[in-house]
PDB file of N, CA and C in Angstrom:
ATOM      1  N   MET A   1     -24.373  16.816   0.046  1.00  0.00           N
ATOM      2  CA  MET A   1     -23.422  15.733   0.040  1.00  0.00           C
ATOM      3  C   MET A   1     -22.011  16.304   0.060  1.00  0.00           C
ATOM      4  N   GLY A   2     -21.114  15.646   0.790  1.00  0.00           N
ATOM      5  CA  GLY A   2     -19.771  16.165   0.954  1.00  0.00           C
ATOM      6  C   GLY A   2     -18.791  15.647  -0.075  1.00  0.00           C
ATOM      7  N   ASP A   3     -17.558  16.039   0.110  1.00  0.00           N
ATOM      8  CA  ASP A   3     -16.477  15.588  -0.766  1.00  0.00           C
ATOM      9  C   ASP A   3     -16.145  14.133  -0.463  1.00  0.00           C
ATOM     10  N   GLU A   4     -15.626  13.439  -1.461  1.00  0.00           N
ATOM     11  CA  GLU A   4     -15.275  12.037  -1.311  1.00  0.00           C
ATOM     12  C   GLU A   4     -13.792  11.891  -1.021  1.00  0.00           C
ATOM     13  N   LEU A   5     -13.463  10.916  -0.172  1.00  0.00           N
ATOM     14  CA  LEU A   5     -12.082  10.638   0.208  1.00  0.00           C
ATOM     15  C   LEU A   5     -11.899   9.127   0.194  1.00  0.00           C
ATOM     16  N   THR A   6     -10.846   8.653  -0.434  1.00  0.00           N
ATOM     17  CA  THR A   6     -10.562   7.220  -0.459  1.00  0.00           C
ATOM     18  C   THR A   6      -9.624   6.886   0.689  1.00  0.00           C
ATOM     19  N   VAL A   7      -9.956   5.845   1.448  1.00  0.00           N
ATOM     20  CA  VAL A   7      -9.149   5.427   2.592  1.00  0.00           C
ATOM     21  C   VAL A   7      -8.801   3.954   2.420  1.00  0.00           C
ATOM     22  N   LYS A   8      -7.529   3.613   2.574  1.00  0.00           N
ATOM     23  CA  LYS A   8      -7.096   2.218   2.500  1.00  0.00           C
ATOM     24  C   LYS A   8      -7.011   1.654   3.917  1.00  0.00           C
ATOM     25  N   LEU A   9      -7.686   0.521   4.137  1.00  0.00           N
ATOM     26  CA  LEU A   9      -7.712  -0.122   5.448  1.00  0.00           C
ATOM     27  C   LEU A   9      -7.182  -1.542   5.329  1.00  0.00           C
ATOM     28  N   GLY A  10      -6.595  -2.038   6.412  1.00  0.00           N
ATOM     29  CA  GLY A  10      -6.226  -3.443   6.459  1.00  0.00           C
ATOM     30  C   GLY A  10      -7.488  -4.296   6.461  1.00  0.00           C
ATOM     31  N   SER A  11      -7.357  -5.542   6.049  1.00  0.00           N
ATOM     32  CA  SER A  11      -8.544  -6.391   5.912  1.00  0.00           C
ATOM     33  C   SER A  11      -9.260  -6.617   7.241  1.00  0.00           C
ATOM     34  N   GLU A  12      -8.534  -6.727   8.343  1.00  0.00           N
ATOM     35  CA  GLU A  12      -9.171  -6.915   9.645  1.00  0.00           C
ATOM     36  C   GLU A  12      -9.970  -5.685  10.055  1.00  0.00           C
ATOM     37  N   VAL A  13      -9.394  -4.507   9.882  1.00  0.00           N
ATOM     38  CA  VAL A  13     -10.090  -3.257  10.220  1.00  0.00           C
ATOM     39  C   VAL A  13     -11.300  -3.077   9.315  1.00  0.00           C
ATOM     40  N   LYS A  14     -11.132  -3.330   8.030  1.00  0.00           N
ATOM     41  CA  LYS A  14     -12.245  -3.202   7.083  1.00  0.00           C
ATOM     42  C   LYS A  14     -13.392  -4.128   7.482  1.00  0.00           C
ATOM     43  N   GLY A  15     -13.064  -5.348   7.869  1.00  0.00           N
ATOM     44  CA  GLY A  15     -14.091  -6.296   8.299  1.00  0.00           C
ATOM     45  C   GLY A  15     -14.842  -5.805   9.525  1.00  0.00           C
ATOM     46  N   GLU A  16     -14.138  -5.239  10.481  1.00  0.00           N
ATOM     47  CA  GLU A  16     -14.789  -4.717  11.689  1.00  0.00           C
ATOM     48  C   GLU A  16     -15.672  -3.513  11.369  1.00  0.00           C
ATOM     49  N   ILE A  17     -15.185  -2.633  10.504  1.00  0.00           N
ATOM     50  CA  ILE A  17     -15.997  -1.482  10.091  1.00  0.00           C
ATOM     51  C   ILE A  17     -17.267  -1.969   9.406  1.00  0.00           C
ATOM     52  N   GLU A  18     -17.139  -2.950   8.515  1.00  0.00           N
ATOM     53  CA  GLU A  18     -18.312  -3.495   7.829  1.00  0.00           C
ATOM     54  C   GLU A  18     -19.300  -4.117   8.813  1.00  0.00           C
ATOM     55  N   ARG A  19     -18.782  -4.837   9.799  1.00  0.00           N
ATOM     56  CA  ARG A  19     -19.642  -5.453  10.810  1.00  0.00           C
ATOM     57  C   ARG A  19     -20.393  -4.395  11.615  1.00  0.00           C
ATOM     58  N   MET A  20     -19.681  -3.374  12.072  1.00  0.00           N
ATOM     59  CA  MET A  20     -20.311  -2.308  12.862  1.00  0.00           C
ATOM     60  C   MET A  20     -21.327  -1.540  12.030  1.00  0.00           C
ATOM     61  N   ALA A  21     -20.988  -1.280  10.774  1.00  0.00           N
ATOM     62  CA  ALA A  21     -21.898  -0.541   9.893  1.00  0.00           C
ATOM     63  C   ALA A  21     -23.187  -1.331   9.666  1.00  0.00           C
ATOM     64  N   LYS A  22     -23.043  -2.616   9.413  1.00  0.00           N
ATOM     65  CA  LYS A  22     -24.218  -3.468   9.199  1.00  0.00           C
ATOM     66  C   LYS A  22     -25.109  -3.473  10.440  1.00  0.00           C
ATOM     67  N   GLN A  23     -24.488  -3.570  11.595  1.00  0.00           N
ATOM     68  CA  GLN A  23     -25.232  -3.569  12.858  1.00  0.00           C
ATOM     69  C   GLN A  23     -25.995  -2.254  13.045  1.00  0.00           C
ATOM     70  N   ALA A  24     -25.427  -1.162  12.570  1.00  0.00           N
ATOM     71  CA  ALA A  24     -26.059   0.156  12.712  1.00  0.00           C
ATOM     72  C   ALA A  24     -27.008   0.482  11.562  1.00  0.00           C
ATOM     73  N   GLY A  25     -27.035  -0.353  10.529  1.00  0.00           N
ATOM     74  CA  GLY A  25     -27.885  -0.077   9.369  1.00  0.00           C
ATOM     75  C   GLY A  25     -27.320   0.996   8.462  1.00  0.00           C
ATOM     76  N   LEU A  26     -25.995   1.136   8.465  1.00  0.00           N
ATOM     77  CA  LEU A  26     -25.316   2.142   7.655  1.00  0.00           C
ATOM     78  C   LEU A  26     -24.398   1.465   6.652  1.00  0.00           C
ATOM     79  N   THR A  27     -23.995   2.207   5.648  1.00  0.00           N
ATOM     80  CA  THR A  27     -22.935   1.718   4.779  1.00  0.00           C
ATOM     81  C   THR A  27     -21.610   1.932   5.509  1.00  0.00           C
ATOM     82  N   PRO A  28     -20.604   1.138   5.180  1.00  0.00           N
ATOM     83  CA  PRO A  28     -19.296   1.362   5.817  1.00  0.00           C
ATOM     84  C   PRO A  28     -18.769   2.780   5.598  1.00  0.00           C
ATOM     85  N   SER A  29     -18.958   3.328   4.403  1.00  0.00           N
ATOM     86  CA  SER A  29     -18.446   4.682   4.154  1.00  0.00           C
ATOM     87  C   SER A  29     -19.177   5.725   4.994  1.00  0.00           C
ATOM     88  N   LYS A  30     -20.471   5.538   5.233  1.00  0.00           N
ATOM     89  CA  LYS A  30     -21.221   6.488   6.065  1.00  0.00           C
ATOM     90  C   LYS A  30     -20.749   6.402   7.514  1.00  0.00           C
ATOM     91  N   LEU A  31     -20.517   5.178   8.016  1.00  0.00           N
ATOM     92  CA  LEU A  31     -20.031   5.028   9.386  1.00  0.00           C
ATOM     93  C   LEU A  31     -18.666   5.690   9.559  1.00  0.00           C
ATOM     94  N   VAL A  32     -17.763   5.469   8.608  1.00  0.00           N
ATOM     95  CA  VAL A  32     -16.435   6.083   8.693  1.00  0.00           C
ATOM     96  C   VAL A  32     -16.555   7.603   8.653  1.00  0.00           C
ATOM     97  N   ALA A  33     -17.449   8.130   7.815  1.00  0.00           N
ATOM     98  CA  ALA A  33     -17.648   9.582   7.740  1.00  0.00           C
ATOM     99  C   ALA A  33     -18.129  10.136   9.076  1.00  0.00           C
ATOM    100  N   VAL A  34     -19.079   9.454   9.712  1.00  0.00           N
ATOM    101  CA  VAL A  34     -19.600   9.913  11.011  1.00  0.00           C
ATOM    102  C   VAL A  34     -18.496   9.881  12.067  1.00  0.00           C
ATOM    103  N   LEU A  35     -17.700   8.813  12.080  1.00  0.00           N
ATOM    104  CA  LEU A  35     -16.614   8.718  13.058  1.00  0.00           C
ATOM    105  C   LEU A  35     -15.581   9.818  12.869  1.00  0.00           C
ATOM    106  N   LEU A  36     -15.199  10.080  11.629  1.00  0.00           N
ATOM    107  CA  LEU A  36     -14.206  11.127  11.372  1.00  0.00           C
ATOM    108  C   LEU A  36     -14.762  12.521  11.652  1.00  0.00           C
ATOM    109  N   GLU A  37     -16.024  12.745  11.307  1.00  0.00           N
ATOM    110  CA  GLU A  37     -16.642  14.039  11.623  1.00  0.00           C
ATOM    111  C   GLU A  37     -16.692  14.249  13.127  1.00  0.00           C
ATOM    112  N   GLY A  38     -16.994  13.181  13.878  1.00  0.00           N
ATOM    113  CA  GLY A  38     -17.006  13.288  15.339  1.00  0.00           C
ATOM    114  C   GLY A  38     -15.636  13.618  15.895  1.00  0.00           C
ATOM    115  N   PHE A  39     -14.596  13.038  15.325  1.00  0.00           N
ATOM    116  CA  PHE A  39     -13.233  13.331  15.754  1.00  0.00           C
ATOM    117  C   PHE A  39     -12.909  14.799  15.538  1.00  0.00           C
ATOM    118  N   VAL A  40     -13.221  15.302  14.351  1.00  0.00           N
ATOM    119  CA  VAL A  40     -12.901  16.689  14.014  1.00  0.00           C
ATOM    120  C   VAL A  40     -13.781  17.658  14.808  1.00  0.00           C
ATOM    121  N   GLN A  41     -15.092  17.419  14.825  1.00  0.00           N
ATOM    122  CA  GLN A  41     -16.002  18.320  15.535  1.00  0.00           C
ATOM    123  C   GLN A  41     -15.755  18.303  17.043  1.00  0.00           C
ATOM    124  N   GLY A  42     -15.262  17.175  17.554  1.00  0.00           N
ATOM    125  CA  GLY A  42     -14.934  17.088  18.979  1.00  0.00           C
ATOM    126  C   GLY A  42     -13.565  17.647  19.294  1.00  0.00           C
ATOM    127  N   GLU A  43     -12.955  18.272  18.311  1.00  0.00           N
ATOM    128  CA  GLU A  43     -11.643  18.906  18.436  1.00  0.00           C
ATOM    129  C   GLU A  43     -10.545  17.904  18.769  1.00  0.00           C
ATOM    130  N   GLY A  44     -10.637  16.705  18.159  1.00  0.00           N
ATOM    131  CA  GLY A  44      -9.550  15.746  18.271  1.00  0.00           C
ATOM    132  C   GLY A  44      -8.302  16.320  17.613  1.00  0.00           C
ATOM    133  N   LYS A  45      -7.155  15.849  18.046  1.00  0.00           N
ATOM    134  CA  LYS A  45      -5.893  16.367  17.512  1.00  0.00           C
ATOM    135  C   LYS A  45      -5.000  15.203  17.101  1.00  0.00           C
ATOM    136  N   VAL A  46      -4.053  15.483  16.232  1.00  0.00           N
ATOM    137  CA  VAL A  46      -3.075  14.496  15.804  1.00  0.00           C
ATOM    138  C   VAL A  46      -1.690  15.094  16.034  1.00  0.00           C
ATOM    139  N   PHE A  47      -0.857  14.348  16.754  1.00  0.00           N
ATOM    140  CA  PHE A  47       0.514  14.775  17.000  1.00  0.00           C
ATOM    141  C   PHE A  47       1.442  13.833  16.250  1.00  0.00           C
ATOM    142  N   THR A  48       2.481  14.383  15.656  1.00  0.00           N
ATOM    143  CA  THR A  48       3.461  13.575  14.943  1.00  0.00           C
ATOM    144  C   THR A  48       4.860  13.907  15.432  1.00  0.00           C
ATOM    145  N   GLY A  49       5.757  12.976  15.220  1.00  0.00           N
ATOM    146  CA  GLY A  49       7.143  13.201  15.604  1.00  0.00           C
ATOM    147  C   GLY A  49       8.029  12.141  14.983  1.00  0.00           C
ATOM    148  N   PRO A  50       9.319  12.302  15.155  1.00  0.00           N
ATOM    149  CA  PRO A  50      10.239  11.330  14.576  1.00  0.00           C
ATOM    150  C   PRO A  50      10.100   9.970  15.263  1.00  0.00           C
ATOM    151  N   TRP A  51      10.362   8.941  14.503  1.00  0.00           N
ATOM    152  CA  TRP A  51      10.338   7.581  15.010  1.00  0.00           C
ATOM    153  C   TRP A  51      11.781   7.114  15.060  1.00  0.00           C
ATOM    154  N   LYS A  52      12.341   7.021  16.245  1.00  0.00           N
ATOM    155  CA  LYS A  52      13.769   6.728  16.399  1.00  0.00           C
ATOM    156  C   LYS A  52      14.171   5.408  15.759  1.00  0.00           C
ATOM    157  N   GLU A  53      13.280   4.420  15.802  1.00  0.00           N
ATOM    158  CA  GLU A  53      13.584   3.128  15.207  1.00  0.00           C
ATOM    159  C   GLU A  53      13.379   3.141  13.701  1.00  0.00           C
ATOM    160  N   GLY A  54      12.782   4.185  13.161  1.00  0.00           N
ATOM    161  CA  GLY A  54      12.402   4.470  11.793  1.00  0.00           C
ATOM    162  C   GLY A  54      12.910   3.516  10.740  1.00  0.00           C
ATOM    163  N   PRO A  55      12.889   3.901   9.515  1.00  0.00           N
ATOM    164  CA  PRO A  55      12.512   5.243   9.064  1.00  0.00           C
ATOM    165  C   PRO A  55      10.999   5.437   9.092  1.00  0.00           C
ATOM    166  N   GLY A  56      10.567   6.635   9.298  1.00  0.00           N
ATOM    167  CA  GLY A  56       9.154   6.963   9.344  1.00  0.00           C
ATOM    168  C   GLY A  56       8.864   7.977  10.430  1.00  0.00           C
ATOM    169  N   ILE A  57       7.573   8.107  10.752  1.00  0.00           N
ATOM    170  CA  ILE A  57       7.146   9.035  11.805  1.00  0.00           C
ATOM    171  C   ILE A  57       6.231   8.297  12.771  1.00  0.00           C
ATOM    172  N   ARG A  58       6.075   8.862  13.947  1.00  0.00           N
ATOM    173  CA  ARG A  58       5.098   8.373  14.924  1.00  0.00           C
ATOM    174  C   ARG A  58       3.877   9.256  14.813  1.00  0.00           C
ATOM    175  N   ILE A  59       2.700   8.666  14.955  1.00  0.00           N
ATOM    176  CA  ILE A  59       1.446   9.427  14.933  1.00  0.00           C
ATOM    177  C   ILE A  59       0.676   9.084  16.202  1.00  0.00           C
ATOM    178  N   LEU A  60       0.282  10.118  16.927  1.00  0.00           N
ATOM    179  CA  LEU A  60      -0.482   9.937  18.155  1.00  0.00           C
ATOM    180  C   LEU A  60      -1.813  10.664  18.009  1.00  0.00           C
ATOM    181  N   PRO A  61      -2.915   9.918  17.799  1.00  0.00           N
ATOM    182  CA  PRO A  61      -4.223  10.586  17.755  1.00  0.00           C
ATOM    183  C   PRO A  61      -4.683  10.882  19.177  1.00  0.00           C
ATOM    184  N   ASP A  62      -5.114  12.094  19.415  1.00  0.00           N
ATOM    185  CA  ASP A  62      -5.643  12.510  20.716  1.00  0.00           C
ATOM    186  C   ASP A  62      -7.150  12.645  20.546  1.00  0.00           C
ATOM    187  N   TRP A  63      -7.882  11.592  20.908  1.00  0.00           N
ATOM    188  CA  TRP A  63      -9.328  11.553  20.713  1.00  0.00           C
ATOM    189  C   TRP A  63     -10.016  12.576  21.610  1.00  0.00           C
ATOM    190  N   PRO A  64     -11.141  13.117  21.175  1.00  0.00           N
ATOM    191  CA  PRO A  64     -11.867  14.102  21.979  1.00  0.00           C
ATOM    192  C   PRO A  64     -12.144  13.569  23.387  1.00  0.00           C
ATOM    193  N   ARG A  65     -11.984  14.411  24.356  1.00  0.00           N
ATOM    194  CA  ARG A  65     -12.189  14.022  25.756  1.00  0.00           C
ATOM    195  C   ARG A  65     -13.659  13.709  26.053  1.00  0.00           C
ATOM    196  N   PHE A  66     -14.542  14.479  25.482  1.00  0.00           N
ATOM    197  CA  PHE A  66     -15.966  14.306  25.733  1.00  0.00           C
ATOM    198  C   PHE A  66     -16.628  13.910  24.429  1.00  0.00           C
ATOM    199  N   SER A  67     -16.562  12.623  24.125  1.00  0.00           N
ATOM    200  CA  SER A  67     -17.024  12.152  22.828  1.00  0.00           C
ATOM    201  C   SER A  67     -18.449  11.599  22.885  1.00  0.00           C
ATOM    202  N   SER A  68     -19.280  12.154  23.749  1.00  0.00           N
ATOM    203  CA  SER A  68     -20.640  11.643  23.884  1.00  0.00           C
ATOM    204  C   SER A  68     -21.636  12.364  22.969  1.00  0.00           C
ATOM    205  N   LYS A  69     -21.131  13.045  21.955  1.00  0.00           N
ATOM    206  CA  LYS A  69     -22.011  13.732  21.018  1.00  0.00           C
ATOM    207  C   LYS A  69     -22.860  12.706  20.272  1.00  0.00           C
ATOM    208  N   VAL A  70     -24.125  13.014  20.092  1.00  0.00           N
ATOM    209  CA  VAL A  70     -25.036  12.142  19.357  1.00  0.00           C
ATOM    210  C   VAL A  70     -25.211  12.715  17.961  1.00  0.00           C
ATOM    211  N   PHE A  71     -25.010  11.867  16.951  1.00  0.00           N
ATOM    212  CA  PHE A  71     -25.203  12.270  15.571  1.00  0.00           C
ATOM    213  C   PHE A  71     -26.552  11.749  15.102  1.00  0.00           C
ATOM    214  N   LYS A  72     -27.336  12.608  14.504  1.00  0.00           N
ATOM    215  CA  LYS A  72     -28.647  12.222  13.975  1.00  0.00           C
ATOM    216  C   LYS A  72     -28.540  12.118  12.461  1.00  0.00           C
ATOM    217  N   ILE A  73     -28.889  10.948  11.934  1.00  0.00           N
ATOM    218  CA  ILE A  73     -28.776  10.694  10.502  1.00  0.00           C
ATOM    219  C   ILE A  73     -30.149  10.390   9.947  1.00  0.00           C
ATOM    220  N   LYS A  74     -30.567  11.199   8.977  1.00  0.00           N
ATOM    221  CA  LYS A  74     -31.864  10.983   8.334  1.00  0.00           C
ATOM    222  C   LYS A  74     -31.818   9.672   7.547  1.00  0.00           C
ATOM    223  N   GLN A  75     -32.957   9.023   7.414  1.00  0.00           N
ATOM    224  CA  GLN A  75     -33.021   7.738   6.733  1.00  0.00           C
ATOM    225  C   GLN A  75     -32.448   7.801   5.327  1.00  0.00           C
ATOM    226  N   GLU A  76     -32.732   8.881   4.599  1.00  0.00           N
ATOM    227  CA  GLU A  76     -32.220   8.981   3.232  1.00  0.00           C
ATOM    228  C   GLU A  76     -30.707   9.181   3.187  1.00  0.00           C
ATOM    229  N   GLU A  77     -30.084   9.538   4.322  1.00  0.00           N
ATOM    230  CA  GLU A  77     -28.642   9.722   4.378  1.00  0.00           C
ATOM    231  C   GLU A  77     -27.906   8.445   4.803  1.00  0.00           C
ATOM    232  N   MET A  78     -28.642   7.393   5.144  1.00  0.00           N
ATOM    233  CA  MET A  78     -28.038   6.189   5.705  1.00  0.00           C
ATOM    234  C   MET A  78     -27.350   5.319   4.659  1.00  0.00           C
ATOM    235  N   LYS A  79     -27.645   5.494   3.415  1.00  0.00           N
ATOM    236  CA  LYS A  79     -27.044   4.634   2.380  1.00  0.00           C
ATOM    237  C   LYS A  79     -26.067   5.399   1.529  1.00  0.00           C
TER     238      LYS A  79
END
């Protein structure tokens, strides 16, 4: 089992994650973990820079180009 990370989501995003997780037979936290692991393992990148209209920064996620990796999850890992 891996380390735990708390993520704050807007209610609309949280609802969509819950819907997708239910459809896949996973918990929302397991689905988010699989998605983030796929981003990292697929060598996704994050670029940041100043936000001229700021204050704050701009964040540009560069999703993996070939994201067709299949993740296999054992039944005991699904919950």
